[in-house]
Amino acid sequence: MSQRNVEIVIGRLATDEEMREKFLENPGAAITKMRGDGLELSTVEVEALTALPANALEALAEALDPRLQKASLKTGGRRRRPDLT
């Protein structure tokens, strides 16, 4: 029920590749897991979070410096974005 918990969820979705994949496959189940881990979210917050567009989450994750990403053991680490210089 706090803005802080919403920020934690969004931050985790942006930086944790495995959680983001789970969320994109089943947003409700991913949010339920995070709630089970202790994050308190209101029904309105859950509805808003589960409605986040997949392409927006992917774009946010890609825009972040790879050093801020949690490495995925499944993929051996996050894809490096191309050097834009």
Protein backbone atom coordinates (compact mmCIF):
# COMPACT_ATOMS: atom_id res chain seq x y z
CA MET A 1 0.00 0.00 0.00
CA SER A 2 2.87 2.33 -0.53
CA GLN A 3 4.46 4.07 -3.43
CA ARG A 4 7.76 2.59 -2.27
CA ASN A 5 6.52 -0.95 -2.91
CA VAL A 6 5.29 0.00 -6.38
CA GLU A 7 8.75 1.43 -7.09
CA ILE A 8 10.36 -1.79 -5.82
CA VAL A 9 8.21 -3.88 -8.18
CA ILE A 10 8.95 -1.68 -11.19
CA GLY A 11 12.65 -1.62 -10.33
CA ARG A 12 12.76 -5.38 -10.02
CA LEU A 13 10.97 -5.83 -13.33
CA ALA A 14 13.45 -3.50 -14.97
CA THR A 15 16.59 -5.05 -13.50
CA ASP A 16 15.80 -8.75 -12.96
CA GLU A 17 15.57 -10.54 -16.29
CA GLU A 18 14.12 -13.77 -14.89
CA MET A 19 11.42 -11.96 -12.91
CA ARG A 20 10.59 -9.85 -15.95
CA GLU A 21 10.20 -13.01 -18.07
CA LYS A 22 7.90 -14.54 -15.44
CA PHE A 23 5.91 -11.31 -15.31
CA LEU A 24 5.56 -11.16 -19.09
CA GLU A 25 4.36 -14.79 -19.14
CA ASN A 26 1.90 -14.35 -16.26
CA PRO A 27 1.72 -10.90 -14.64
CA GLY A 28 -0.74 -11.97 -11.95
CA ALA A 29 1.38 -14.90 -10.78
CA ALA A 30 4.55 -12.78 -10.70
CA ILE A 31 2.86 -10.08 -8.62
CA THR A 32 1.38 -12.74 -6.32
CA LYS A 33 4.90 -14.10 -5.77
CA MET A 34 6.23 -10.65 -4.91
CA ARG A 35 3.33 -10.13 -2.52
CA GLY A 36 4.13 -13.50 -0.98
CA ASP A 37 7.70 -12.29 -0.51
CA GLY A 38 6.35 -9.48 1.67
CA LEU A 39 5.54 -6.59 -0.65
CA GLU A 40 2.24 -5.03 0.34
CA LEU A 41 0.27 -3.81 -2.66
CA SER A 42 -3.32 -2.65 -2.85
CA THR A 43 -5.77 -4.12 -5.34
CA VAL A 44 -5.57 -0.92 -7.39
CA GLU A 45 -1.76 -1.11 -7.46
CA VAL A 46 -1.86 -4.77 -8.53
CA GLU A 47 -4.30 -3.95 -11.32
CA ALA A 48 -2.14 -1.07 -12.53
CA LEU A 49 1.08 -3.10 -12.38
CA THR A 50 -0.36 -6.10 -14.20
CA ALA A 51 -1.54 -3.75 -16.97
CA LEU A 52 2.00 -2.49 -17.68
CA PRO A 53 2.74 -2.90 -21.40
CA ALA A 54 5.37 -5.55 -22.13
CA ASN A 55 7.13 -3.35 -24.66
CA ALA A 56 7.49 -0.56 -22.10
CA LEU A 57 9.14 -2.90 -19.58
CA GLU A 58 11.47 -4.29 -22.23
CA ALA A 59 12.40 -0.79 -23.39
CA LEU A 60 13.12 0.31 -19.83
CA ALA A 61 15.30 -2.75 -19.21
CA GLU A 62 17.21 -2.21 -22.44
CA ALA A 63 17.79 1.45 -21.61
CA LEU A 64 19.49 0.62 -18.31
CA ASP A 65 23.22 0.17 -18.11
CA PRO A 66 23.97 -3.58 -18.00
CA ARG A 67 25.90 -3.06 -14.76
CA LEU A 68 22.56 -2.34 -13.09
CA GLN A 69 21.04 -5.61 -14.27
CA LYS A 70 20.84 -8.81 -12.28
CA ALA A 71 22.65 -11.50 -14.26
CA SER A 72 20.47 -14.38 -15.33
CA LEU A 73 21.81 -17.85 -14.65
CA LYS A 74 19.53 -19.15 -17.40
CA THR A 75 21.03 -16.98 -20.13
CA GLY A 76 24.49 -16.48 -18.69
CA GLY A 77 23.87 -12.80 -18.17
CA ARG A 78 21.94 -10.06 -19.82
CA ARG A 79 22.42 -9.27 -23.47
CA ARG A 80 24.73 -6.37 -23.97
CA ARG A 81 23.21 -3.49 -25.80
CA PRO A 82 25.17 -2.29 -28.82
CA ASP A 83 27.62 0.54 -28.37
CA LEU A 84 25.79 3.64 -29.56
CA THR A 85 28.90 5.75 -29.96
